[in-house]
Amino acid sequence: MYNYPNYGVFETEKSIVKRQEKRGIRSVAAHIGLAYLVMMAVAFFWSLPFMAVLQGLGFSQAEIIAITEDPAIMQIIQIVVSILMFVPPYLIVVANSPQKMRNLIPLGKPNKGMILPLILISIGFCAFANIATSSIADIFAGFGIEYSAPELEIPGGVFGALLAIMATAFTPALVEEFAMRGAVMGVLRKYGDGVAIGISAAMFGLMHRNFVQIPFGFVVGIALGYAVIKTGSLWTGVIIHFINNFISVGLDLLFRQIDSVYLQSGITAIYFVLCFLCFFIGLYLMRNKKKEDYALENADMVMTVKERVSAFFSSPIIIISIVVTLVLGIIEMNM
């Protein structure tokens, strides 16, 4: 008599494994979501303890207003707030992972054969994202919806320029890459590199808070995540992030010295041409790479990639994070 395989037992074991995998993803999502909400809270409410401390030190209302209107002081405050937003909350994410930090966050030297072409390609990606962001902003403007990211006044002189670069380019490149491509992507890589890149890019996009910049953050996050994984070093992401922000600050400082709109437009056009040239040079340098050099590692799991992503974003705390982000974005839009 032929013994048929017990498919019912197999499916039961498979479903048990799937539930365990789902619980694991939900647990990681809870830690990431909590860190994200703390980050948002610091971003929006840092001024309350700051004002309380100044008042406690005996500063008058007029003195406090003078301090908050000083461009140099506000740039320094931005540096401190950036560190508080991204370092302590995401250190907790790393601390709650069973893996050690050195295994989650690759801080070694980048792969020499990959770093240059991927940096060049990523610069092109950033330029594409900037163009897409401008186009989306124009579409929203056509419906009467204006988005404008708050910008701090840049102090005058060489010191002011250096301070602006530190606050806008150097510090964000370090702390945001630690948080997104380090902590978030690191703890998610056990669920597959593609999943880790996609989710970390989505969270990176969300943290920009408005409907115009979210796509920009997502596209740039994909490029940064891929570059970090394929070069085996977080420093690749830091370099790309710094270059993108540094160019933005540099153009802003340059345009302050140029009154001609036509000249500004010409410089911007040259910038985009150079960025796309970098992109194609990067592709050319990658021409001799093998297929496996491009490939991402997938996890050996019962859950499909779609199910893993769905499990993460259906986590209650992630849903709350998304809702809070969109509400704050709407509030900022109407301010």
C-alpha atoms as a PDB file:
ATOM      1  CA  MET A   1       0.000   0.000   0.000  1.00  0.00           C
ATOM      2  CA  TYR A   2       1.378   3.427  -1.002  1.00  0.00           C
ATOM      3  CA  ASN A   3       1.974   5.882   1.856  1.00  0.00           C
ATOM      4  CA  TYR A   4       1.017   9.413   0.806  1.00  0.00           C
ATOM      5  CA  PRO A   5       3.123  12.204   2.301  1.00  0.00           C
ATOM      6  CA  ASN A   6       1.518  13.962   5.220  1.00  0.00           C
ATOM      7  CA  TYR A   7       1.064  17.364   3.599  1.00  0.00           C
ATOM      8  CA  GLY A   8      -1.076  18.538   6.517  1.00  0.00           C
ATOM      9  CA  VAL A   9       1.803  18.125   8.980  1.00  0.00           C
ATOM     10  CA  PHE A  10       4.215  19.876   6.598  1.00  0.00           C
ATOM     11  CA  GLU A  11       1.869  22.818   6.115  1.00  0.00           C
ATOM     12  CA  THR A  12       1.373  23.062   9.873  1.00  0.00           C
ATOM     13  CA  GLU A  13       5.117  23.225  10.469  1.00  0.00           C
ATOM     14  CA  LYS A  14       5.437  25.778   7.675  1.00  0.00           C
ATOM     15  CA  SER A  15       2.724  27.962   9.164  1.00  0.00           C
ATOM     16  CA  ILE A  16       4.385  27.789  12.604  1.00  0.00           C
ATOM     17  CA  VAL A  17       7.691  28.935  11.103  1.00  0.00           C
ATOM     18  CA  LYS A  18       5.919  31.712   9.223  1.00  0.00           C
ATOM     19  CA  ARG A  19       4.272  32.950  12.423  1.00  0.00           C
ATOM     20  CA  GLN A  20       7.637  32.964  14.176  1.00  0.00           C
ATOM     21  CA  GLU A  21       9.193  34.934  11.306  1.00  0.00           C
ATOM     22  CA  LYS A  22       6.306  37.392  11.377  1.00  0.00           C
ATOM     23  CA  ARG A  23       6.702  37.900  15.129  1.00  0.00           C
ATOM     24  CA  GLY A  24      10.397  38.553  14.612  1.00  0.00           C
ATOM     25  CA  ILE A  25       9.745  41.204  11.957  1.00  0.00           C
ATOM     26  CA  ARG A  26       7.016  42.801  14.087  1.00  0.00           C
ATOM     27  CA  SER A  27       9.433  42.962  17.042  1.00  0.00           C
ATOM     28  CA  VAL A  28      12.078  44.716  14.917  1.00  0.00           C
ATOM     29  CA  ALA A  29       9.387  47.030  13.535  1.00  0.00           C
ATOM     30  CA  ALA A  30       8.318  47.934  17.077  1.00  0.00           C
ATOM     31  CA  HIS A  31      11.851  48.976  18.044  1.00  0.00           C
ATOM     32  CA  ILE A  32      12.369  50.927  14.815  1.00  0.00           C
ATOM     33  CA  GLY A  33       8.943  52.572  15.101  1.00  0.00           C
ATOM     34  CA  LEU A  34       9.592  53.604  18.697  1.00  0.00           C
ATOM     35  CA  ALA A  35      12.973  55.089  17.749  1.00  0.00           C
ATOM     36  CA  TYR A  36      11.307  56.915  14.855  1.00  0.00           C
ATOM     37  CA  LEU A  37       8.627  58.436  17.107  1.00  0.00           C
ATOM     38  CA  VAL A  38      11.267  59.557  19.617  1.00  0.00           C
ATOM     39  CA  MET A  39      13.188  61.118  16.716  1.00  0.00           C
ATOM     40  CA  MET A  40      10.066  63.015  15.601  1.00  0.00           C
ATOM     41  CA  ALA A  41       9.383  64.143  19.160  1.00  0.00           C
ATOM     42  CA  VAL A  42      12.902  65.556  19.488  1.00  0.00           C
ATOM     43  CA  ALA A  43      12.589  67.302  16.113  1.00  0.00           C
ATOM     44  CA  PHE A  44       9.359  69.063  17.069  1.00  0.00           C
ATOM     45  CA  PHE A  45       9.652  69.630  20.810  1.00  0.00           C
ATOM     46  CA  TRP A  46      13.357  70.310  21.437  1.00  0.00           C
ATOM     47  CA  SER A  47      12.599  74.003  21.912  1.00  0.00           C
ATOM     48  CA  LEU A  48      10.501  73.375  25.041  1.00  0.00           C
ATOM     49  CA  PRO A  49      13.351  72.064  27.264  1.00  0.00           C
ATOM     50  CA  PHE A  50      15.729  74.524  25.591  1.00  0.00           C
ATOM     51  CA  MET A  51      13.551  77.480  26.583  1.00  0.00           C
ATOM     52  CA  ALA A  52      13.012  76.024  30.057  1.00  0.00           C
ATOM     53  CA  VAL A  53      16.777  75.708  30.613  1.00  0.00           C
ATOM     54  CA  LEU A  54      17.406  79.294  29.483  1.00  0.00           C
ATOM     55  CA  GLN A  55      14.658  80.553  31.752  1.00  0.00           C
ATOM     56  CA  GLY A  56      16.056  78.482  34.612  1.00  0.00           C
ATOM     57  CA  LEU A  57      19.456  80.089  34.057  1.00  0.00           C
ATOM     58  CA  GLY A  58      17.843  83.495  34.496  1.00  0.00           C
ATOM     59  CA  PHE A  59      17.710  84.715  30.896  1.00  0.00           C
ATOM     60  CA  SER A  60      15.032  87.293  30.215  1.00  0.00           C
ATOM     61  CA  GLN A  61      12.463  86.918  27.440  1.00  0.00           C
ATOM     62  CA  ALA A  62      14.289  89.531  25.361  1.00  0.00           C
ATOM     63  CA  GLU A  63      17.609  87.707  25.793  1.00  0.00           C
ATOM     64  CA  ILE A  64      16.044  84.391  24.799  1.00  0.00           C
ATOM     65  CA  ILE A  65      14.584  85.956  21.645  1.00  0.00           C
ATOM     66  CA  ALA A  66      18.002  87.443  20.817  1.00  0.00           C
ATOM     67  CA  ILE A  67      19.628  84.009  21.232  1.00  0.00           C
ATOM     68  CA  THR A  68      17.106  82.305  18.926  1.00  0.00           C
ATOM     69  CA  GLU A  69      17.611  85.021  16.306  1.00  0.00           C
ATOM     70  CA  ASP A  70      21.390  84.537  16.225  1.00  0.00           C
ATOM     71  CA  PRO A  71      22.180  82.497  13.047  1.00  0.00           C
ATOM     72  CA  ALA A  72      25.391  81.015  14.466  1.00  0.00           C
ATOM     73  CA  ILE A  73      23.697  79.826  17.657  1.00  0.00           C
ATOM     74  CA  MET A  74      20.824  78.290  15.694  1.00  0.00           C
ATOM     75  CA  GLN A  75      23.270  76.415  13.464  1.00  0.00           C
ATOM     76  CA  ILE A  76      24.969  75.014  16.572  1.00  0.00           C
ATOM     77  CA  ILE A  77      21.589  74.068  18.016  1.00  0.00           C
ATOM     78  CA  GLN A  78      20.757  72.274  14.741  1.00  0.00           C
ATOM     79  CA  ILE A  79      23.924  70.203  15.102  1.00  0.00           C
ATOM     80  CA  VAL A  80      23.030  69.230  18.679  1.00  0.00           C
ATOM     81  CA  VAL A  81      19.393  68.473  17.812  1.00  0.00           C
ATOM     82  CA  SER A  82      20.455  66.313  14.850  1.00  0.00           C
ATOM     83  CA  ILE A  83      22.677  64.241  17.107  1.00  0.00           C
ATOM     84  CA  LEU A  84      19.909  63.852  19.711  1.00  0.00           C
ATOM     85  CA  MET A  85      17.388  62.904  17.024  1.00  0.00           C
ATOM     86  CA  PHE A  86      19.363  60.116  15.423  1.00  0.00           C
ATOM     87  CA  VAL A  87      21.936  58.731  17.834  1.00  0.00           C
ATOM     88  CA  PRO A  88      20.260  57.817  21.179  1.00  0.00           C
ATOM     89  CA  PRO A  89      16.985  56.418  19.713  1.00  0.00           C
ATOM     90  CA  TYR A  90      18.709  54.226  17.156  1.00  0.00           C
ATOM     91  CA  LEU A  91      21.387  53.095  19.578  1.00  0.00           C
ATOM     92  CA  ILE A  92      18.473  51.503  21.445  1.00  0.00           C
ATOM     93  CA  VAL A  93      17.455  49.713  18.225  1.00  0.00           C
ATOM     94  CA  VAL A  94      20.969  48.283  17.940  1.00  0.00           C
ATOM     95  CA  ALA A  95      21.085  47.431  21.659  1.00  0.00           C
ATOM     96  CA  ASN A  96      17.863  45.412  21.376  1.00  0.00           C
ATOM     97  CA  SER A  97      19.262  43.314  18.530  1.00  0.00           C
ATOM     98  CA  PRO A  98      20.874  39.962  19.417  1.00  0.00           C
ATOM     99  CA  GLN A  99      23.683  40.825  17.001  1.00  0.00           C
ATOM    100  CA  LYS A 100      26.651  42.900  18.066  1.00  0.00           C
ATOM    101  CA  MET A 101      27.008  46.445  16.737  1.00  0.00           C
ATOM    102  CA  ARG A 102      30.095  45.615  14.687  1.00  0.00           C
ATOM    103  CA  ASN A 103      28.078  42.950  12.838  1.00  0.00           C
ATOM    104  CA  LEU A 104      25.122  45.278  12.217  1.00  0.00           C
ATOM    105  CA  ILE A 105      26.985  48.425  11.226  1.00  0.00           C
ATOM    106  CA  PRO A 106      29.881  47.897   8.773  1.00  0.00           C
ATOM    107  CA  LEU A 107      32.529  50.446   9.713  1.00  0.00           C
ATOM    108  CA  GLY A 108      35.452  48.900   7.854  1.00  0.00           C
ATOM    109  CA  LYS A 109      37.139  50.144   4.694  1.00  0.00           C
ATOM    110  CA  PRO A 110      34.911  50.107   1.582  1.00  0.00           C
ATOM    111  CA  ASN A 111      35.522  47.649  -1.235  1.00  0.00           C
ATOM    112  CA  LYS A 112      37.938  49.531  -3.505  1.00  0.00           C
ATOM    113  CA  GLY A 113      36.557  47.962  -6.655  1.00  0.00           C
ATOM    114  CA  MET A 114      33.029  49.187  -5.948  1.00  0.00           C
ATOM    115  CA  ILE A 115      33.278  52.438  -4.012  1.00  0.00           C
ATOM    116  CA  LEU A 116      34.184  54.860  -6.836  1.00  0.00           C
ATOM    117  CA  PRO A 117      31.606  53.684  -9.412  1.00  0.00           C
ATOM    118  CA  LEU A 118      28.841  53.472  -6.796  1.00  0.00           C
ATOM    119  CA  ILE A 119      29.615  56.951  -5.471  1.00  0.00           C
ATOM    120  CA  LEU A 120      29.447  58.337  -9.011  1.00  0.00           C
ATOM    121  CA  ILE A 121      26.221  56.465  -9.791  1.00  0.00           C
ATOM    122  CA  SER A 122      24.665  57.616  -6.514  1.00  0.00           C
ATOM    123  CA  ILE A 123      25.512  61.257  -7.266  1.00  0.00           C
ATOM    124  CA  GLY A 124      23.519  60.858 -10.475  1.00  0.00           C
ATOM    125  CA  PHE A 125      20.672  59.280  -8.517  1.00  0.00           C
ATOM    126  CA  CYS A 126      20.638  62.258  -6.160  1.00  0.00           C
ATOM    127  CA  ALA A 127      20.425  64.641  -9.123  1.00  0.00           C
ATOM    128  CA  PHE A 128      17.529  62.619 -10.575  1.00  0.00           C
ATOM    129  CA  ALA A 129      15.787  62.736  -7.182  1.00  0.00           C
ATOM    130  CA  ASN A 130      16.260  66.514  -7.030  1.00  0.00           C
ATOM    131  CA  ILE A 131      14.679  66.940 -10.464  1.00  0.00           C
ATOM    132  CA  ALA A 132      11.811  64.639  -9.498  1.00  0.00           C
ATOM    133  CA  THR A 133      11.286  66.596  -6.277  1.00  0.00           C
ATOM    134  CA  SER A 134      11.132  69.895  -8.169  1.00  0.00           C
ATOM    135  CA  SER A 135       8.649  68.410 -10.635  1.00  0.00           C
ATOM    136  CA  ILE A 136       6.429  67.098  -7.834  1.00  0.00           C
ATOM    137  CA  ALA A 137       6.616  70.488  -6.091  1.00  0.00           C
ATOM    138  CA  ASP A 138       5.474  72.158  -9.331  1.00  0.00           C
ATOM    139  CA  ILE A 139       2.553  69.746  -9.618  1.00  0.00           C
ATOM    140  CA  PHE A 140       1.471  70.471  -6.045  1.00  0.00           C
ATOM    141  CA  ALA A 141       1.900  74.203  -6.667  1.00  0.00           C
ATOM    142  CA  GLY A 142      -0.461  73.882  -9.628  1.00  0.00           C
ATOM    143  CA  PHE A 143      -3.130  72.763  -7.169  1.00  0.00           C
ATOM    144  CA  GLY A 144      -2.337  75.638  -4.830  1.00  0.00           C
ATOM    145  CA  ILE A 145      -0.325  73.533  -2.394  1.00  0.00           C
ATOM    146  CA  GLU A 146       3.022  75.065  -1.532  1.00  0.00           C
ATOM    147  CA  TYR A 147       5.724  73.149   0.310  1.00  0.00           C
ATOM    148  CA  SER A 148       8.766  74.929   1.630  1.00  0.00           C
ATOM    149  CA  ALA A 149      11.353  73.309   3.870  1.00  0.00           C
ATOM    150  CA  PRO A 150      12.350  75.562   6.782  1.00  0.00           C
ATOM    151  CA  GLU A 151      15.846  76.923   6.302  1.00  0.00           C
ATOM    152  CA  LEU A 152      18.115  78.456   8.897  1.00  0.00           C
ATOM    153  CA  GLU A 153      19.850  81.701   8.128  1.00  0.00           C
ATOM    154  CA  ILE A 154      23.513  81.140   7.276  1.00  0.00           C
ATOM    155  CA  PRO A 155      25.896  83.286   9.357  1.00  0.00           C
ATOM    156  CA  GLY A 156      28.198  85.615   7.460  1.00  0.00           C
ATOM    157  CA  GLY A 157      31.896  85.123   6.825  1.00  0.00           C
ATOM    158  CA  VAL A 158      34.076  82.038   6.498  1.00  0.00           C
ATOM    159  CA  PHE A 159      33.188  80.812   9.997  1.00  0.00           C
ATOM    160  CA  GLY A 160      29.487  81.066   9.172  1.00  0.00           C
ATOM    161  CA  ALA A 161      29.933  79.067   5.969  1.00  0.00           C
ATOM    162  CA  LEU A 162      31.896  76.364   7.803  1.00  0.00           C
ATOM    163  CA  LEU A 163      29.253  76.233  10.517  1.00  0.00           C
ATOM    164  CA  ALA A 164      26.517  75.822   7.892  1.00  0.00           C
ATOM    165  CA  ILE A 165      28.465  73.013   6.225  1.00  0.00           C
ATOM    166  CA  MET A 166      28.915  71.318   9.604  1.00  0.00           C
ATOM    167  CA  ALA A 167      25.205  71.634  10.441  1.00  0.00           C
ATOM    168  CA  THR A 168      23.751  70.809   7.022  1.00  0.00           C
ATOM    169  CA  ALA A 169      26.264  68.449   5.408  1.00  0.00           C
ATOM    170  CA  PHE A 170      28.746  66.881   7.815  1.00  0.00           C
ATOM    171  CA  THR A 171      26.610  66.141  10.892  1.00  0.00           C
ATOM    172  CA  PRO A 172      23.527  64.843   8.997  1.00  0.00           C
ATOM    173  CA  ALA A 173      25.723  62.603   6.851  1.00  0.00           C
ATOM    174  CA  LEU A 174      27.142  60.960   9.972  1.00  0.00           C
ATOM    175  CA  VAL A 175      24.089  60.659  12.195  1.00  0.00           C
ATOM    176  CA  GLU A 176      21.453  59.948   9.529  1.00  0.00           C
ATOM    177  CA  GLU A 177      23.592  57.253   7.917  1.00  0.00           C
ATOM    178  CA  PHE A 178      24.225  55.697  11.328  1.00  0.00           C
ATOM    179  CA  ALA A 179      20.479  55.612  11.975  1.00  0.00           C
ATOM    180  CA  MET A 180      19.100  54.593   8.564  1.00  0.00           C
ATOM    181  CA  ARG A 181      21.825  52.637   6.770  1.00  0.00           C
ATOM    182  CA  GLY A 182      23.395  51.492  10.031  1.00  0.00           C
ATOM    183  CA  ALA A 183      20.794  50.664  12.682  1.00  0.00           C
ATOM    184  CA  VAL A 184      17.609  50.277  10.603  1.00  0.00           C
ATOM    185  CA  MET A 185      19.110  48.546   7.575  1.00  0.00           C
ATOM    186  CA  GLY A 186      21.488  46.534   9.768  1.00  0.00           C
ATOM    187  CA  VAL A 187      18.803  44.904  11.922  1.00  0.00           C
ATOM    188  CA  LEU A 188      16.672  44.200   8.838  1.00  0.00           C
ATOM    189  CA  ARG A 189      19.344  42.515   6.720  1.00  0.00           C
ATOM    190  CA  LYS A 190      18.584  39.110   8.229  1.00  0.00           C
ATOM    191  CA  TYR A 191      15.283  39.362   6.325  1.00  0.00           C
ATOM    192  CA  GLY A 192      17.088  39.925   3.022  1.00  0.00           C
ATOM    193  CA  ASP A 193      19.193  42.754   1.608  1.00  0.00           C
ATOM    194  CA  GLY A 194      16.441  43.954  -0.718  1.00  0.00           C
ATOM    195  CA  VAL A 195      13.945  44.119   2.142  1.00  0.00           C
ATOM    196  CA  ALA A 196      16.457  45.982   4.323  1.00  0.00           C
ATOM    197  CA  ILE A 197      17.262  48.523   1.597  1.00  0.00           C
ATOM    198  CA  GLY A 198      13.613  49.099   0.684  1.00  0.00           C
ATOM    199  CA  ILE A 199      12.320  49.519   4.241  1.00  0.00           C
ATOM    200  CA  SER A 200      15.222  51.713   5.379  1.00  0.00           C
ATOM    201  CA  ALA A 201      14.740  53.879   2.268  1.00  0.00           C
ATOM    202  CA  ALA A 202      11.019  54.191   3.025  1.00  0.00           C
ATOM    203  CA  MET A 203      11.727  55.250   6.617  1.00  0.00           C
ATOM    204  CA  PHE A 204      14.370  57.684   5.344  1.00  0.00           C
ATOM    205  CA  GLY A 205      11.810  59.167   2.966  1.00  0.00           C
ATOM    206  CA  LEU A 206       9.142  59.427   5.664  1.00  0.00           C
ATOM    207  CA  MET A 207      11.404  61.326   8.021  1.00  0.00           C
ATOM    208  CA  HIS A 208      11.495  64.194   5.482  1.00  0.00           C
ATOM    209  CA  ARG A 209       7.828  64.637   6.450  1.00  0.00           C
ATOM    210  CA  ASN A 210       6.185  66.178   3.379  1.00  0.00           C
ATOM    211  CA  PHE A 211       4.734  64.738   0.194  1.00  0.00           C
ATOM    212  CA  VAL A 212       7.330  66.468  -1.979  1.00  0.00           C
ATOM    213  CA  GLN A 213      10.464  65.317  -0.184  1.00  0.00           C
ATOM    214  CA  ILE A 214       9.316  61.803   0.756  1.00  0.00           C
ATOM    215  CA  PRO A 215       9.901  60.482  -2.810  1.00  0.00           C
ATOM    216  CA  PHE A 216      13.296  62.242  -2.840  1.00  0.00           C
ATOM    217  CA  GLY A 217      14.320  60.549   0.397  1.00  0.00           C
ATOM    218  CA  PHE A 218      13.097  57.169  -0.822  1.00  0.00           C
ATOM    219  CA  VAL A 219      15.006  57.270  -4.134  1.00  0.00           C
ATOM    220  CA  VAL A 220      18.190  58.537  -2.479  1.00  0.00           C
ATOM    221  CA  GLY A 221      17.756  55.972   0.296  1.00  0.00           C
ATOM    222  CA  ILE A 222      17.668  53.137  -2.252  1.00  0.00           C
ATOM    223  CA  ALA A 223      20.939  54.334  -3.791  1.00  0.00           C
ATOM    224  CA  LEU A 224      22.610  54.836  -0.417  1.00  0.00           C
ATOM    225  CA  GLY A 225      21.487  51.471   0.932  1.00  0.00           C
ATOM    226  CA  TYR A 226      22.668  49.597  -2.145  1.00  0.00           C
ATOM    227  CA  ALA A 227      26.015  51.409  -2.106  1.00  0.00           C
ATOM    228  CA  VAL A 228      26.591  50.619   1.578  1.00  0.00           C
ATOM    229  CA  ILE A 229      25.799  46.929   1.140  1.00  0.00           C
ATOM    230  CA  LYS A 230      27.808  46.418  -2.042  1.00  0.00           C
ATOM    231  CA  THR A 231      30.886  48.261  -0.745  1.00  0.00           C
ATOM    232  CA  GLY A 232      30.567  46.656   2.683  1.00  0.00           C
ATOM    233  CA  SER A 233      30.972  49.952   4.520  1.00  0.00           C
ATOM    234  CA  LEU A 234      28.729  52.592   6.075  1.00  0.00           C
ATOM    235  CA  TRP A 235      31.381  55.175   5.152  1.00  0.00           C
ATOM    236  CA  THR A 236      30.291  54.935   1.518  1.00  0.00           C
ATOM    237  CA  GLY A 237      26.850  56.190   2.495  1.00  0.00           C
ATOM    238  CA  VAL A 238      28.379  58.933   4.637  1.00  0.00           C
ATOM    239  CA  ILE A 239      30.532  60.123   1.722  1.00  0.00           C
ATOM    240  CA  ILE A 240      27.623  60.184  -0.765  1.00  0.00           C
ATOM    241  CA  HIS A 241      25.303  61.853   1.735  1.00  0.00           C
ATOM    242  CA  PHE A 242      27.932  64.470   2.556  1.00  0.00           C
ATOM    243  CA  ILE A 243      28.660  65.234  -1.111  1.00  0.00           C
ATOM    244  CA  ASN A 244      24.963  65.705  -1.910  1.00  0.00           C
ATOM    245  CA  ASN A 245      24.334  68.010   1.070  1.00  0.00           C
ATOM    246  CA  PHE A 246      27.639  69.843   0.611  1.00  0.00           C
ATOM    247  CA  ILE A 247      26.772  70.690  -3.002  1.00  0.00           C
ATOM    248  CA  SER A 248      23.368  71.951  -1.873  1.00  0.00           C
ATOM    249  CA  VAL A 249      24.936  74.238   0.767  1.00  0.00           C
ATOM    250  CA  GLY A 250      27.672  75.312  -1.641  1.00  0.00           C
ATOM    251  CA  LEU A 251      25.167  76.307  -4.330  1.00  0.00           C
ATOM    252  CA  ASP A 252      23.116  78.182  -1.752  1.00  0.00           C
ATOM    253  CA  LEU A 253      26.178  80.133  -0.605  1.00  0.00           C
ATOM    254  CA  LEU A 254      27.195  80.796  -4.214  1.00  0.00           C
ATOM    255  CA  PHE A 255      23.748  81.994  -5.284  1.00  0.00           C
ATOM    256  CA  ARG A 256      23.725  84.484  -2.415  1.00  0.00           C
ATOM    257  CA  GLN A 257      26.575  86.235  -4.233  1.00  0.00           C
ATOM    258  CA  ILE A 258      24.890  86.126  -7.660  1.00  0.00           C
ATOM    259  CA  ASP A 259      21.945  88.369  -8.505  1.00  0.00           C
ATOM    260  CA  SER A 260      21.379  87.123 -12.042  1.00  0.00           C
ATOM    261  CA  VAL A 261      18.648  84.500 -12.260  1.00  0.00           C
ATOM    262  CA  TYR A 262      19.986  83.443 -15.670  1.00  0.00           C
ATOM    263  CA  LEU A 263      23.454  82.819 -14.270  1.00  0.00           C
ATOM    264  CA  GLN A 264      21.998  80.839 -11.382  1.00  0.00           C
ATOM    265  CA  SER A 265      19.982  78.747 -13.844  1.00  0.00           C
ATOM    266  CA  GLY A 266      23.106  78.180 -15.952  1.00  0.00           C
ATOM    267  CA  ILE A 267      25.106  77.006 -12.944  1.00  0.00           C
ATOM    268  CA  THR A 268      22.257  74.692 -11.913  1.00  0.00           C
ATOM    269  CA  ALA A 269      22.112  73.217 -15.430  1.00  0.00           C
ATOM    270  CA  ILE A 270      25.877  72.611 -15.406  1.00  0.00           C
ATOM    271  CA  TYR A 271      25.536  70.936 -12.016  1.00  0.00           C
ATOM    272  CA  PHE A 272      22.903  68.501 -13.314  1.00  0.00           C
ATOM    273  CA  VAL A 273      24.917  67.759 -16.463  1.00  0.00           C
ATOM    274  CA  LEU A 274      27.976  66.940 -14.356  1.00  0.00           C
ATOM    275  CA  CYS A 275      25.887  64.744 -12.044  1.00  0.00           C
ATOM    276  CA  PHE A 276      24.483  62.733 -14.931  1.00  0.00           C
ATOM    277  CA  LEU A 277      27.982  62.491 -16.404  1.00  0.00           C
ATOM    278  CA  CYS A 278      29.111  61.022 -13.087  1.00  0.00           C
ATOM    279  CA  PHE A 279      26.250  58.526 -13.326  1.00  0.00           C
ATOM    280  CA  PHE A 280      27.293  57.251 -16.751  1.00  0.00           C
ATOM    281  CA  ILE A 281      30.992  57.187 -15.833  1.00  0.00           C
ATOM    282  CA  GLY A 282      30.028  55.070 -12.820  1.00  0.00           C
ATOM    283  CA  LEU A 283      28.102  52.681 -15.049  1.00  0.00           C
ATOM    284  CA  TYR A 284      31.077  52.481 -17.408  1.00  0.00           C
ATOM    285  CA  LEU A 285      33.399  51.586 -14.526  1.00  0.00           C
ATOM    286  CA  MET A 286      30.997  48.781 -13.584  1.00  0.00           C
ATOM    287  CA  ARG A 287      30.985  47.305 -17.089  1.00  0.00           C
ATOM    288  CA  ASN A 288      33.346  44.420 -16.303  1.00  0.00           C
ATOM    289  CA  LYS A 289      31.670  43.396 -13.063  1.00  0.00           C
ATOM    290  CA  LYS A 290      30.157  39.943 -12.843  1.00  0.00           C
ATOM    291  CA  LYS A 291      26.452  39.375 -12.312  1.00  0.00           C
ATOM    292  CA  GLU A 292      27.011  38.286  -8.727  1.00  0.00           C
ATOM    293  CA  ASP A 293      28.747  41.597  -8.014  1.00  0.00           C
ATOM    294  CA  TYR A 294      25.402  43.340  -8.531  1.00  0.00           C
ATOM    295  CA  ALA A 295      23.249  40.744  -6.771  1.00  0.00           C
ATOM    296  CA  LEU A 296      21.747  41.200  -3.321  1.00  0.00           C
ATOM    297  CA  GLU A 297      21.461  38.369  -0.815  1.00  0.00           C
ATOM    298  CA  ASN A 298      18.009  37.097   0.044  1.00  0.00           C
ATOM    299  CA  ALA A 299      17.130  35.437   3.337  1.00  0.00           C
ATOM    300  CA  ASP A 300      16.245  31.761   3.543  1.00  0.00           C
ATOM    301  CA  MET A 301      12.748  32.233   4.929  1.00  0.00           C
ATOM    302  CA  VAL A 302       9.277  30.774   4.556  1.00  0.00           C
ATOM    303  CA  MET A 303       7.754  34.251   4.181  1.00  0.00           C
ATOM    304  CA  THR A 304       7.951  35.849   0.766  1.00  0.00           C
ATOM    305  CA  VAL A 305       9.538  39.270   0.310  1.00  0.00           C
ATOM    306  CA  LYS A 306       6.072  40.811  -0.059  1.00  0.00           C
ATOM    307  CA  GLU A 307       4.925  39.185   3.185  1.00  0.00           C
ATOM    308  CA  ARG A 308       8.007  40.453   5.056  1.00  0.00           C
ATOM    309  CA  VAL A 309       7.470  44.019   3.893  1.00  0.00           C
ATOM    310  CA  SER A 310       3.746  43.785   4.645  1.00  0.00           C
ATOM    311  CA  ALA A 311       4.450  42.429   8.148  1.00  0.00           C
ATOM    312  CA  PHE A 312       6.744  45.380   8.862  1.00  0.00           C
ATOM    313  CA  PHE A 313       4.435  48.137   7.621  1.00  0.00           C
ATOM    314  CA  SER A 314       1.301  46.582   9.146  1.00  0.00           C
ATOM    315  CA  SER A 315       2.915  46.752  12.589  1.00  0.00           C
ATOM    316  CA  PRO A 316       0.765  49.073  14.760  1.00  0.00           C
ATOM    317  CA  ILE A 317       3.668  51.290  15.805  1.00  0.00           C
ATOM    318  CA  ILE A 318       4.824  51.727  12.197  1.00  0.00           C
ATOM    319  CA  ILE A 319       1.269  52.645  11.165  1.00  0.00           C
ATOM    320  CA  ILE A 320       1.215  55.194  14.005  1.00  0.00           C
ATOM    321  CA  SER A 321       4.598  56.518  12.847  1.00  0.00           C
ATOM    322  CA  ILE A 322       3.322  56.991   9.290  1.00  0.00           C
ATOM    323  CA  VAL A 323       0.133  58.727  10.463  1.00  0.00           C
ATOM    324  CA  VAL A 324       2.086  61.018  12.811  1.00  0.00           C
ATOM    325  CA  THR A 325       4.507  61.881   9.995  1.00  0.00           C
ATOM    326  CA  LEU A 326       1.726  62.784   7.572  1.00  0.00           C
ATOM    327  CA  VAL A 327      -0.132  64.836  10.193  1.00  0.00           C
ATOM    328  CA  LEU A 328       3.034  66.749  11.085  1.00  0.00           C
ATOM    329  CA  GLY A 329       3.689  67.290   7.388  1.00  0.00           C
ATOM    330  CA  ILE A 330       0.216  68.787   6.942  1.00  0.00           C
ATOM    331  CA  ILE A 331       0.707  71.003   9.998  1.00  0.00           C
ATOM    332  CA  GLU A 332       4.034  72.256   8.644  1.00  0.00           C
ATOM    333  CA  MET A 333       2.437  72.917   5.266  1.00  0.00           C
ATOM    334  CA  ASN A 334      -0.193  75.158   6.871  1.00  0.00           C
ATOM    335  CA  MET A 335       2.197  77.037   9.156  1.00  0.00           C
END
